[in-house]
Protein backbone atom coordinates (compact mmCIF):
# COMPACT_ATOMS: atom_id res chain seq x y z
CA UNK A 1 -1.59 39.98 3.57
CA UNK A 2 -4.50 38.04 2.60
CA UNK A 3 -6.66 39.81 -0.09
CA UNK A 4 -10.42 39.86 0.07
CA UNK A 5 -12.70 39.91 -2.67
CA UNK A 6 -15.25 37.79 -4.71
CA UNK A 7 -14.36 34.10 -4.49
CA UNK A 8 -16.04 32.05 -7.41
CA UNK A 9 -14.89 28.56 -8.49
CA UNK A 10 -15.98 26.93 -11.63
CA UNK A 11 -15.56 23.24 -10.33
CA UNK A 12 -17.14 21.98 -7.19
CA UNK A 13 -15.01 21.69 -4.10
CA UNK A 14 -13.81 18.33 -3.08
CA UNK A 15 -14.54 17.27 0.66
CA UNK A 16 -12.98 13.97 0.72
CA UNK A 17 -13.29 10.51 -0.56
CA UNK A 18 -16.10 7.89 0.05
CA UNK A 19 -15.27 4.28 -1.16
CA UNK A 20 -12.72 5.85 -3.57
CA UNK A 21 -15.19 8.09 -5.00
CA UNK A 22 -14.52 11.63 -4.70
CA UNK A 23 -17.10 13.46 -2.39
CA UNK A 24 -17.83 17.01 -3.66
CA UNK A 25 -20.09 19.51 -1.93
CA UNK A 26 -22.43 19.48 -5.08
CA UNK A 27 -22.87 15.56 -4.73
CA UNK A 28 -23.56 16.07 -0.91
CA UNK A 29 -26.16 18.75 -1.79
CA UNK A 30 -27.83 16.31 -4.50
CA UNK A 31 -28.03 13.58 -1.75
CA UNK A 32 -29.94 16.21 0.26
CA UNK A 33 -32.09 16.99 -2.45
CA UNK A 34 -32.89 13.38 -3.18
CA UNK A 35 -33.69 12.72 0.51
CA UNK A 36 -35.89 15.67 0.91
CA UNK A 37 -37.85 14.43 -2.34
CA UNK A 38 -38.31 10.89 -0.87
CA UNK A 39 -39.47 12.14 2.58
CA UNK A 40 -42.16 14.49 1.06
CA UNK A 41 -43.29 11.72 -1.14
CA UNK A 42 -43.68 9.33 1.85
CA UNK A 43 -45.41 11.80 4.00
CA UNK A 44 -47.63 12.97 1.23
CA UNK A 45 -48.48 9.21 0.38
CA UNK A 46 -49.35 8.37 3.85
CA UNK A 47 -51.85 11.37 4.02
CA UNK A 48 -53.71 10.60 1.01
CA UNK A 49 -57.54 10.42 1.77
CA UNK A 50 -60.43 8.89 -0.31
CA UNK A 51 -62.24 12.17 0.53
CA UNK A 52 -59.51 14.69 -0.19
CA UNK A 53 -58.91 17.87 1.51
CA UNK A 54 -58.03 21.13 -0.01
CA UNK A 55 -54.25 20.58 0.01
CA UNK A 56 -54.83 17.02 -1.66
CA UNK A 57 -57.33 18.47 -3.91
CA UNK A 58 -54.93 21.14 -5.00
CA UNK A 59 -52.11 18.50 -5.72
CA UNK A 60 -54.45 16.36 -7.55
CA UNK A 61 -55.48 19.20 -9.94
CA UNK A 62 -51.83 19.98 -10.43
CA UNK A 63 -50.95 16.54 -11.23
CA UNK A 64 -53.97 16.20 -13.47
CA UNK A 65 -53.05 19.35 -15.26
CA UNK A 66 -49.59 18.18 -16.03
CA UNK A 67 -50.60 14.66 -16.95
CA UNK A 68 -53.23 16.02 -19.37
CA UNK A 69 -50.72 18.39 -20.84
CA UNK A 70 -48.17 15.65 -21.51
CA UNK A 71 -51.01 13.46 -23.03
CA UNK A 72 -52.14 16.13 -25.30
CA UNK A 73 -48.55 16.80 -26.49
CA UNK A 74 -47.63 13.12 -27.06
CA UNK A 75 -51.20 12.27 -28.56
CA UNK A 76 -51.12 9.25 -26.60
CA UNK A 77 -52.17 8.21 -22.99
CA UNK A 78 -49.86 5.30 -23.15
CA UNK A 79 -46.94 7.29 -23.73
CA UNK A 80 -48.07 9.82 -21.12
CA UNK A 81 -48.10 7.03 -18.51
CA UNK A 82 -44.70 6.01 -19.47
CA UNK A 83 -43.02 9.55 -19.52
CA UNK A 84 -44.93 11.37 -16.77
CA UNK A 85 -42.84 9.72 -13.95
CA UNK A 86 -39.59 10.66 -15.49
CA UNK A 87 -40.62 14.32 -16.76
CA UNK A 88 -41.93 15.12 -13.22
CA UNK A 89 -38.79 13.65 -11.44
CA UNK A 90 -36.61 15.73 -13.83
CA UNK A 91 -38.53 18.77 -13.13
CA UNK A 92 -38.83 18.30 -9.16
CA UNK A 93 -35.07 17.45 -8.89
CA UNK A 94 -34.07 20.44 -10.69
CA UNK A 95 -36.39 22.88 -9.16
CA UNK A 96 -35.84 21.66 -5.59
CA UNK A 97 -31.98 21.87 -6.21
CA UNK A 98 -32.26 25.46 -7.65
CA UNK A 99 -34.61 26.46 -4.67
CA UNK A 100 -32.12 24.83 -2.11
CA UNK A 101 -29.44 27.25 -3.18
CA UNK A 102 -31.21 30.00 -1.06
CA UNK A 103 -31.86 27.82 2.16
CA UNK A 104 -30.10 29.29 5.01
CA UNK A 105 -26.72 27.53 5.57
CA UNK A 106 -26.15 26.77 2.03
CA UNK A 107 -22.73 27.99 1.37
CA UNK A 108 -22.07 29.32 4.87
CA UNK A 109 -21.71 25.99 6.70
CA UNK A 110 -18.34 24.29 5.90
CA UNK A 111 -15.10 23.27 7.03
CA UNK A 112 -11.60 25.14 7.02
CA UNK A 113 -8.49 23.39 5.30
CA UNK A 114 -5.79 25.61 6.18
CA UNK A 115 -6.88 29.03 5.47
CA UNK A 116 -9.44 27.90 2.88
CA UNK A 117 -13.02 27.85 3.77
CA UNK A 118 -14.85 24.99 1.89
CA UNK A 119 -18.71 24.95 1.95
CA UNK A 120 -20.33 21.53 2.64
CA UNK A 121 -23.13 22.24 0.26
CA UNK A 122 -23.24 24.03 -3.05
CA UNK A 123 -25.96 24.58 -5.57
CA UNK A 124 -26.29 21.30 -7.43
CA UNK A 125 -26.79 22.59 -10.83
CA UNK A 126 -23.69 24.74 -10.64
CA UNK A 127 -21.75 21.36 -11.27
CA UNK A 128 -21.46 20.52 -14.84
CA UNK A 129 -21.11 17.00 -14.12
CA UNK A 130 -24.61 16.89 -12.79
CA UNK A 131 -26.25 18.93 -15.62
CA UNK A 132 -24.46 16.62 -18.14
CA UNK A 133 -25.78 13.52 -16.28
CA UNK A 134 -29.33 14.97 -16.44
CA UNK A 135 -28.80 15.63 -20.07
CA UNK A 136 -27.69 12.01 -20.97
CA UNK A 137 -30.69 10.60 -19.17
CA UNK A 138 -32.92 12.99 -21.28
CA UNK A 139 -31.13 12.22 -24.54
CA UNK A 140 -31.21 8.46 -23.90
CA UNK A 141 -34.70 8.55 -23.03
CA UNK A 142 -35.64 10.52 -26.28
CA UNK A 143 -33.65 7.99 -28.59
CA UNK A 144 -34.95 4.89 -26.80
CA UNK A 145 -38.69 6.27 -27.14
CA UNK A 146 -38.08 6.81 -30.84
CA UNK A 147 -36.77 3.40 -31.31
CA UNK A 148 -39.52 1.81 -29.31
CA UNK A 149 -42.13 3.85 -31.11
CA UNK A 150 -41.11 3.29 -34.91
CA UNK A 151 -38.65 0.54 -34.90
CA UNK A 152 -34.90 0.64 -34.79
CA UNK A 153 -34.27 0.61 -38.64
CA UNK A 154 -36.88 3.17 -39.27
CA UNK A 155 -35.78 5.54 -36.47
CA UNK A 156 -32.13 5.13 -37.73
CA UNK A 157 -33.32 5.90 -41.13
CA UNK A 158 -33.82 9.49 -40.03
CA UNK A 159 -30.17 9.95 -39.63
CA UNK A 160 -28.53 7.41 -42.32
CA UNK A 161 -30.64 7.85 -45.35
CA UNK A 162 -29.01 6.69 -48.61
CA UNK A 163 -31.78 7.32 -51.07
CA UNK A 164 -30.29 10.28 -52.28
CA UNK A 165 -27.21 12.45 -51.53
CA UNK A 166 -29.39 15.32 -50.43
CA UNK A 167 -31.28 12.93 -47.98
CA UNK A 168 -27.88 11.66 -46.78
CA UNK A 169 -26.71 15.17 -45.91
CA UNK A 170 -30.01 16.13 -44.30
CA UNK A 171 -29.72 12.89 -42.28
CA UNK A 172 -26.08 13.82 -41.12
CA UNK A 173 -27.47 17.27 -40.04
CA UNK A 174 -30.14 15.49 -38.12
CA UNK A 175 -27.55 13.39 -36.56
CA UNK A 176 -25.39 16.19 -35.30
CA UNK A 177 -28.40 18.01 -34.07
CA UNK A 178 -29.36 14.94 -31.84
CA UNK A 179 -25.79 14.80 -30.47
CA UNK A 180 -25.68 18.48 -29.73
CA UNK A 181 -28.45 17.97 -27.21
CA UNK A 182 -25.84 16.84 -24.87
CA UNK A 183 -24.21 20.18 -24.93
CA UNK A 184 -27.53 22.37 -25.10
CA UNK A 185 -29.21 20.45 -22.17
CA UNK A 186 -26.24 20.58 -19.95
CA UNK A 187 -24.75 23.97 -20.73
CA UNK A 188 -28.16 25.73 -20.69
CA UNK A 189 -28.87 24.63 -17.11
CA UNK A 190 -25.33 25.01 -15.77
CA UNK A 191 -24.91 28.31 -17.31
CA UNK A 192 -27.96 29.99 -16.10
CA UNK A 193 -27.56 28.75 -12.49
CA UNK A 194 -23.94 29.50 -12.41
CA UNK A 195 -24.39 32.79 -13.72
CA UNK A 196 -27.08 33.40 -11.18
CA UNK A 197 -24.79 32.41 -8.29
CA UNK A 198 -22.07 34.67 -9.60
CA UNK A 199 -24.44 37.61 -9.88
CA UNK A 200 -25.47 37.25 -6.34
CA UNK A 201 -21.91 37.09 -5.18
CA UNK A 202 -21.16 40.18 -7.16
CA UNK A 203 -24.19 42.05 -5.82
CA UNK A 204 -23.49 40.95 -2.12
CA UNK A 205 -19.90 42.18 -2.38
CA UNK A 206 -20.63 45.73 -3.80
CA UNK A 207 -24.25 46.39 -2.52
CA UNK A 208 -24.75 44.09 0.38
CA UNK A 209 -28.02 44.10 2.30
CA UNK A 210 -30.06 45.95 -0.56
CA UNK A 211 -29.34 44.36 -4.13
CA UNK A 212 -29.32 40.71 -3.24
CA UNK A 213 -32.74 40.69 -1.97
CA UNK A 214 -34.65 41.26 -5.33
CA UNK A 215 -31.96 39.39 -6.95
CA UNK A 216 -32.56 36.42 -5.06
CA UNK A 217 -36.26 36.66 -5.74
CA UNK A 218 -35.56 36.73 -9.32
CA UNK A 219 -33.24 33.81 -9.15
CA UNK A 220 -35.89 31.69 -7.38
CA UNK A 221 -38.29 32.25 -10.30
CA UNK A 222 -35.36 31.68 -12.73
CA UNK A 223 -34.69 28.24 -10.84
CA UNK A 224 -38.17 27.05 -11.36
CA UNK A 225 -38.14 28.29 -14.87
CA UNK A 226 -35.11 26.35 -15.88
CA UNK A 227 -36.50 23.37 -14.28
CA UNK A 228 -39.76 23.70 -16.32
CA UNK A 229 -37.72 24.40 -19.56
CA UNK A 230 -35.44 21.30 -19.13
CA UNK A 231 -38.49 19.02 -18.55
CA UNK A 232 -40.40 20.78 -21.38
CA UNK A 233 -37.60 20.38 -23.93
CA UNK A 234 -37.45 16.51 -23.00
CA UNK A 235 -41.13 16.33 -23.51
CA UNK A 236 -41.06 18.09 -27.05
CA UNK A 237 -38.08 16.02 -28.20
CA UNK A 238 -39.85 12.85 -27.06
CA UNK A 239 -42.77 14.13 -29.38
CA UNK A 240 -40.59 14.50 -32.22
CA UNK A 241 -38.84 11.15 -31.70
CA UNK A 242 -41.84 9.27 -31.62
CA UNK A 243 -43.39 10.67 -34.58
CA UNK A 244 -43.43 8.86 -37.87
CA UNK A 245 -40.49 9.66 -40.14
CA UNK A 246 -41.23 12.00 -42.94
CA UNK A 247 -42.50 10.46 -46.09
CA UNK A 248 -43.09 7.17 -44.36
CA UNK A 249 -46.74 7.20 -45.11
């Protein structure tokens, strides 16, 4: 007799292989997100006018606000021009990925493999591989920005300082702190989104048709907030990286 209950998997389900690469439902969902962003960007780009309408005016105000905030934070318009595309891409990818989770068909359209149902799409950020990849991009961007801003040896001096035993210990602590960002970035996003998915599954199992609705609204808000948190943390760490090392002046 087959038991029914809450079915929660930590790892994404594998649908097959593409050119020898495992094809998972989270990877397929990420392709959908990328395709959506490209299509929307092309459609919006084609409709831009010299005399903007209400929607274009709203978008321009929104983009200007974000760009001015990044400029104010980094205290440099040149650095803002460099980092704005990356930060906006991170935010849009994570936000759309999180919102796509609540699109009709996500999680309910799939294939049967024997008696097991495998959904074709799954929330992108419930895959630790995705969040870790985003963390790698952010951390490497932060470190490269610091090297470009202050120079390789001066930037490395933040972590390898042999001027005194105390400074050496402080530098090692700074180095461990930098490396821990791989974990904090990836697990923060993964944990929040995966926990939300489990919460919705539990609510749908015990109190269907009533409790999931307000929880879905809350998770929509959490999804956008997590995207903003990831992008803002990247921005603030870039600000710290490009700042002059302590005592350099």
